[in-house]
């Protein structure tokens, strides 16, 4: 999946709002690592869900 125009000189940024709990899809750490390897800046905003927040996942 391509989210950004590879020819663009603008910053590539993803802002993610999450409680850190994975409920569907692939594990987030490898996906985040691949995004960082592509030069994408990631900002994770932690939201407290009904069963708390997983800070270690947000830090990964």
PDB file of N, CA and C in Angstrom:
ATOM      1  N   UNK A   1       0.844  -1.166   0.000  1.00  0.00           N
ATOM      2  CA  UNK A   1       0.000   0.000   0.000  1.00  0.00           C
ATOM      3  C   UNK A   1       0.898   1.241   0.000  1.00  0.00           C
ATOM      4  N   UNK A   2       0.582   2.162  -0.845  1.00  0.00           N
ATOM      5  CA  UNK A   2       1.347   3.410  -0.915  1.00  0.00           C
ATOM      6  C   UNK A   2       0.464   4.536  -0.379  1.00  0.00           C
ATOM      7  N   UNK A   3       0.929   5.176   0.683  1.00  0.00           N
ATOM      8  CA  UNK A   3       0.150   6.251   1.296  1.00  0.00           C
ATOM      9  C   UNK A   3       0.595   7.633   0.848  1.00  0.00           C
ATOM     10  N   UNK A   4       1.848   7.753   0.429  1.00  0.00           N
ATOM     11  CA  UNK A   4       2.408   9.060   0.122  1.00  0.00           C
ATOM     12  C   UNK A   4       2.998   9.068  -1.279  1.00  0.00           C
ATOM     13  N   UNK A   5       3.011  10.242  -1.885  1.00  0.00           N
ATOM     14  CA  UNK A   5       3.629  10.426  -3.190  1.00  0.00           C
ATOM     15  C   UNK A   5       5.144  10.352  -3.020  1.00  0.00           C
ATOM     16  N   UNK A   6       5.803   9.355  -3.613  1.00  0.00           N
ATOM     17  CA  UNK A   6       7.253   9.219  -3.427  1.00  0.00           C
ATOM     18  C   UNK A   6       8.050  10.373  -4.033  1.00  0.00           C
ATOM     19  N   UNK A   7       7.461  11.130  -4.934  1.00  0.00           N
ATOM     20  CA  UNK A   7       8.142  12.254  -5.567  1.00  0.00           C
ATOM     21  C   UNK A   7       8.040  13.537  -4.738  1.00  0.00           C
ATOM     22  N   UNK A   8       7.170  13.547  -3.737  1.00  0.00           N
ATOM     23  CA  UNK A   8       6.948  14.744  -2.933  1.00  0.00           C
ATOM     24  C   UNK A   8       8.108  14.992  -1.974  1.00  0.00           C
ATOM     25  N   UNK A   9       8.479  16.257  -1.834  1.00  0.00           N
ATOM     26  CA  UNK A   9       9.532  16.636  -0.886  1.00  0.00           C
ATOM     27  C   UNK A   9       8.948  16.993   0.477  1.00  0.00           C
ATOM     28  N   UNK A  10       7.624  16.965   0.595  1.00  0.00           N
ATOM     29  CA  UNK A  10       6.974  17.292   1.860  1.00  0.00           C
ATOM     30  C   UNK A  10       7.179  16.182   2.879  1.00  0.00           C
ATOM     31  N   UNK A  11       7.111  16.545   4.158  1.00  0.00           N
ATOM     32  CA  UNK A  11       7.258  15.557   5.230  1.00  0.00           C
ATOM     33  C   UNK A  11       6.125  14.540   5.167  1.00  0.00           C
ATOM     34  N   UNK A  12       6.466  13.306   5.436  1.00  0.00           N
ATOM     35  CA  UNK A  12       5.484  12.230   5.461  1.00  0.00           C
ATOM     36  C   UNK A  12       5.234  11.876   6.921  1.00  0.00           C
ATOM     37  N   UNK A  13       4.008  12.125   7.377  1.00  0.00           N
ATOM     38  CA  UNK A  13       3.674  11.991   8.791  1.00  0.00           C
ATOM     39  C   UNK A  13       2.390  11.183   8.940  1.00  0.00           C
ATOM     40  N   UNK A  14       2.395  10.280   9.913  1.00  0.00           N
ATOM     41  CA  UNK A  14       1.188   9.556  10.303  1.00  0.00           C
ATOM     42  C   UNK A  14       0.916   9.871  11.768  1.00  0.00           C
ATOM     43  N   UNK A  15      -0.323  10.260  12.080  1.00  0.00           N
ATOM     44  CA  UNK A  15      -0.759  10.472  13.456  1.00  0.00           C
ATOM     45  C   UNK A  15      -1.744   9.353  13.773  1.00  0.00           C
ATOM     46  N   UNK A  16      -1.406   8.566  14.791  1.00  0.00           N
ATOM     47  CA  UNK A  16      -2.194   7.398  15.149  1.00  0.00           C
ATOM     48  C   UNK A  16      -2.791   7.594  16.541  1.00  0.00           C
ATOM     49  N   UNK A  17      -4.104   7.443  16.634  1.00  0.00           N
ATOM     50  CA  UNK A  17      -4.793   7.506  17.918  1.00  0.00           C
ATOM     51  C   UNK A  17      -5.152   6.078  18.304  1.00  0.00           C
ATOM     52  N   UNK A  18      -4.668   5.613  19.465  1.00  0.00           N
ATOM     53  CA  UNK A  18      -4.873   4.216  19.838  1.00  0.00           C
ATOM     54  C   UNK A  18      -4.790   4.012  21.352  1.00  0.00           C
ATOM     55  N   UNK A  19      -5.348   2.893  21.803  1.00  0.00           N
ATOM     56  CA  UNK A  19      -5.170   2.497  23.200  1.00  0.00           C
ATOM     57  C   UNK A  19      -4.044   1.479  23.316  1.00  0.00           C
ATOM     58  N   UNK A  20      -3.409   1.152  22.181  1.00  0.00           N
ATOM     59  CA  UNK A  20      -2.295   0.213  22.178  1.00  0.00           C
ATOM     60  C   UNK A  20      -2.698  -1.239  22.093  1.00  0.00           C
ATOM     61  N   UNK A  21      -3.972  -1.507  22.035  1.00  0.00           N
ATOM     62  CA  UNK A  21      -4.455  -2.886  21.963  1.00  0.00           C
ATOM     63  C   UNK A  21      -4.679  -3.256  20.491  1.00  0.00           C
ATOM     64  N   UNK A  22      -4.091  -4.371  20.049  1.00  0.00           N
ATOM     65  CA  UNK A  22      -4.285  -4.841  18.681  1.00  0.00           C
ATOM     66  C   UNK A  22      -5.510  -5.742  18.652  1.00  0.00           C
ATOM     67  N   UNK A  23      -6.523  -5.359  17.895  1.00  0.00           N
ATOM     68  CA  UNK A  23      -7.756  -6.146  17.811  1.00  0.00           C
ATOM     69  C   UNK A  23      -7.970  -6.732  16.416  1.00  0.00           C
ATOM     70  N   UNK A  24      -7.220  -6.255  15.431  1.00  0.00           N
ATOM     71  CA  UNK A  24      -7.345  -6.769  14.063  1.00  0.00           C
ATOM     72  C   UNK A  24      -6.087  -6.412  13.285  1.00  0.00           C
ATOM     73  N   UNK A  25      -5.815  -7.182  12.255  1.00  0.00           N
ATOM     74  CA  UNK A  25      -4.688  -6.876  11.393  1.00  0.00           C
ATOM     75  C   UNK A  25      -3.368  -7.390  11.938  1.00  0.00           C
ATOM     76  N   UNK A  26      -2.289  -7.029  11.232  1.00  0.00           N
ATOM     77  CA  UNK A  26      -0.970  -7.520  11.615  1.00  0.00           C
ATOM     78  C   UNK A  26      -0.447  -6.836  12.880  1.00  0.00           C
ATOM     79  N   UNK A  27       0.581  -7.421  13.505  1.00  0.00           N
ATOM     80  CA  UNK A  27       1.192  -6.774  14.666  1.00  0.00           C
ATOM     81  C   UNK A  27       1.709  -5.384  14.274  1.00  0.00           C
ATOM     82  N   UNK A  28       1.509  -4.381  15.122  1.00  0.00           N
ATOM     83  CA  UNK A  28       1.850  -3.010  14.743  1.00  0.00           C
ATOM     84  C   UNK A  28       3.347  -2.713  14.686  1.00  0.00           C
ATOM     85  N   UNK A  29       4.177  -3.374  15.490  1.00  0.00           N
ATOM     86  CA  UNK A  29       5.603  -3.025  15.550  1.00  0.00           C
ATOM     87  C   UNK A  29       6.310  -3.178  14.200  1.00  0.00           C
ATOM     88  N   UNK A  30       6.154  -4.297  13.470  1.00  0.00           N
ATOM     89  CA  UNK A  30       6.823  -4.398  12.174  1.00  0.00           C
ATOM     90  C   UNK A  30       6.296  -3.387  11.143  1.00  0.00           C
ATOM     91  N   UNK A  31       5.013  -3.090  11.211  1.00  0.00           N
ATOM     92  CA  UNK A  31       4.427  -2.109  10.292  1.00  0.00           C
ATOM     93  C   UNK A  31       5.010  -0.728  10.583  1.00  0.00           C
ATOM     94  N   UNK A  32       5.118  -0.375  11.859  1.00  0.00           N
ATOM     95  CA  UNK A  32       5.703   0.916  12.246  1.00  0.00           C
ATOM     96  C   UNK A  32       7.176   0.982  11.846  1.00  0.00           C
ATOM     97  N   UNK A  33       7.903  -0.106  12.024  1.00  0.00           N
ATOM     98  CA  UNK A  33       9.322  -0.133  11.643  1.00  0.00           C
ATOM     99  C   UNK A  33       9.485   0.063  10.140  1.00  0.00           C
ATOM    100  N   UNK A  34       8.617  -0.564   9.354  1.00  0.00           N
ATOM    101  CA  UNK A  34       8.682  -0.399   7.898  1.00  0.00           C
ATOM    102  C   UNK A  34       8.378   1.043   7.504  1.00  0.00           C
ATOM    103  N   UNK A  35       7.423   1.664   8.174  1.00  0.00           N
ATOM    104  CA  UNK A  35       7.093   3.067   7.888  1.00  0.00           C
ATOM    105  C   UNK A  35       8.276   3.967   8.220  1.00  0.00           C
ATOM    106  N   UNK A  36       8.897   3.738   9.381  1.00  0.00           N
ATOM    107  CA  UNK A  36      10.068   4.554   9.760  1.00  0.00           C
ATOM    108  C   UNK A  36      11.206   4.357   8.766  1.00  0.00           C
ATOM    109  N   UNK A  37      11.381   3.139   8.277  1.00  0.00           N
ATOM    110  CA  UNK A  37      12.435   2.859   7.292  1.00  0.00           C
ATOM    111  C   UNK A  37      12.197   3.615   5.992  1.00  0.00           C
ATOM    112  N   UNK A  38      10.947   3.934   5.717  1.00  0.00           N
ATOM    113  CA  UNK A  38      10.593   4.708   4.520  1.00  0.00           C
ATOM    114  C   UNK A  38      10.672   6.209   4.765  1.00  0.00           C
ATOM    115  N   UNK A  39      11.093   6.594   5.977  1.00  0.00           N
ATOM    116  CA  UNK A  39      11.223   8.016   6.292  1.00  0.00           C
ATOM    117  C   UNK A  39       9.950   8.666   6.786  1.00  0.00           C
ATOM    118  N   UNK A  40       8.969   7.856   7.148  1.00  0.00           N
ATOM    119  CA  UNK A  40       7.701   8.382   7.645  1.00  0.00           C
ATOM    120  C   UNK A  40       7.826   8.646   9.138  1.00  0.00           C
ATOM    121  N   UNK A  41       7.374   9.805   9.558  1.00  0.00           N
ATOM    122  CA  UNK A  41       7.389  10.184  10.970  1.00  0.00           C
ATOM    123  C   UNK A  41       6.073   9.709  11.585  1.00  0.00           C
ATOM    124  N   UNK A  42       6.164   8.996  12.710  1.00  0.00           N
ATOM    125  CA  UNK A  42       4.979   8.474  13.385  1.00  0.00           C
ATOM    126  C   UNK A  42       4.765   9.184  14.715  1.00  0.00           C
ATOM    127  N   UNK A  43       3.548   9.633  14.940  1.00  0.00           N
ATOM    128  CA  UNK A  43       3.149  10.178  16.237  1.00  0.00           C
ATOM    129  C   UNK A  43       2.004   9.313  16.744  1.00  0.00           C
ATOM    130  N   UNK A  44       2.187   8.694  17.911  1.00  0.00           N
ATOM    131  CA  UNK A  44       1.144   7.873  18.520  1.00  0.00           C
ATOM    132  C   UNK A  44       0.545   8.633  19.692  1.00  0.00           C
ATOM    133  N   UNK A  45      -0.757   8.837  19.629  1.00  0.00           N
ATOM    134  CA  UNK A  45      -1.489   9.511  20.703  1.00  0.00           C
ATOM    135  C   UNK A  45      -2.254   8.437  21.457  1.00  0.00           C
ATOM    136  N   UNK A  46      -1.952   8.273  22.731  1.00  0.00           N
ATOM    137  CA  UNK A  46      -2.589   7.248  23.539  1.00  0.00           C
ATOM    138  C   UNK A  46      -3.940   7.685  24.060  1.00  0.00           C
ATOM    139  N   UNK A  47      -4.933   6.850  23.825  1.00  0.00           N
ATOM    140  CA  UNK A  47      -6.284   7.068  24.337  1.00  0.00           C
ATOM    141  C   UNK A  47      -6.605   5.936  25.301  1.00  0.00           C
ATOM    142  N   UNK A  48      -7.117   6.262  26.447  1.00  0.00           N
ATOM    143  CA  UNK A  48      -7.437   5.241  27.439  1.00  0.00           C
ATOM    144  C   UNK A  48      -8.754   4.581  27.063  1.00  0.00           C
ATOM    145  N   UNK A  49      -8.681   3.267  26.804  1.00  0.00           N
ATOM    146  CA  UNK A  49      -9.872   2.496  26.471  1.00  0.00           C
ATOM    147  C   UNK A  49     -10.550   1.965  27.723  1.00  0.00           C
ATOM    148  N   UNK A  50     -11.577   1.179  27.521  1.00  0.00           N
ATOM    149  CA  UNK A  50     -12.335   0.647  28.657  1.00  0.00           C
ATOM    150  C   UNK A  50     -11.494  -0.275  29.533  1.00  0.00           C
ATOM    151  N   UNK A  51     -10.444  -0.896  28.947  1.00  0.00           N
ATOM    152  CA  UNK A  51      -9.586  -1.756  29.733  1.00  0.00           C
ATOM    153  C   UNK A  51      -8.174  -1.190  29.870  1.00  0.00           C
ATOM    154  N   UNK A  52      -8.051   0.138  29.822  1.00  0.00           N
ATOM    155  CA  UNK A  52      -6.768   0.801  30.058  1.00  0.00           C
ATOM    156  C   UNK A  52      -6.036   1.115  28.768  1.00  0.00           C
ATOM    157  N   UNK A  53      -4.726   1.290  28.915  1.00  0.00           N
ATOM    158  CA  UNK A  53      -3.868   1.642  27.791  1.00  0.00           C
ATOM    159  C   UNK A  53      -2.582   0.838  27.881  1.00  0.00           C
ATOM    160  N   UNK A  54      -2.061   0.390  26.757  1.00  0.00           N
ATOM    161  CA  UNK A  54      -0.821  -0.389  26.733  1.00  0.00           C
ATOM    162  C   UNK A  54       0.315   0.544  26.283  1.00  0.00           C
ATOM    163  N   UNK A  55       0.973   1.170  27.233  1.00  0.00           N
ATOM    164  CA  UNK A  55       2.009   2.149  26.944  1.00  0.00           C
ATOM    165  C   UNK A  55       3.202   1.533  26.239  1.00  0.00           C
ATOM    166  N   UNK A  56       3.535   0.284  26.551  1.00  0.00           N
ATOM    167  CA  UNK A  56       4.697  -0.339  25.919  1.00  0.00           C
ATOM    168  C   UNK A  56       4.491  -0.478  24.405  1.00  0.00           C
ATOM    169  N   UNK A  57       3.271  -0.775  23.985  1.00  0.00           N
ATOM    170  CA  UNK A  57       2.975  -0.869  22.553  1.00  0.00           C
ATOM    171  C   UNK A  57       3.096   0.513  21.904  1.00  0.00           C
ATOM    172  N   UNK A  58       2.624   1.539  22.583  1.00  0.00           N
ATOM    173  CA  UNK A  58       2.745   2.905  22.041  1.00  0.00           C
ATOM    174  C   UNK A  58       4.197   3.291  21.888  1.00  0.00           C
ATOM    175  N   UNK A  59       5.035   2.900  22.830  1.00  0.00           N
ATOM    176  CA  UNK A  59       6.452   3.246  22.757  1.00  0.00           C
ATOM    177  C   UNK A  59       7.164   2.491  21.644  1.00  0.00           C
ATOM    178  N   UNK A  60       6.704   1.276  21.346  1.00  0.00           N
ATOM    179  CA  UNK A  60       7.300   0.507  20.244  1.00  0.00           C
ATOM    180  C   UNK A  60       7.040   1.201  18.925  1.00  0.00           C
TER     181      UNK A  60
END
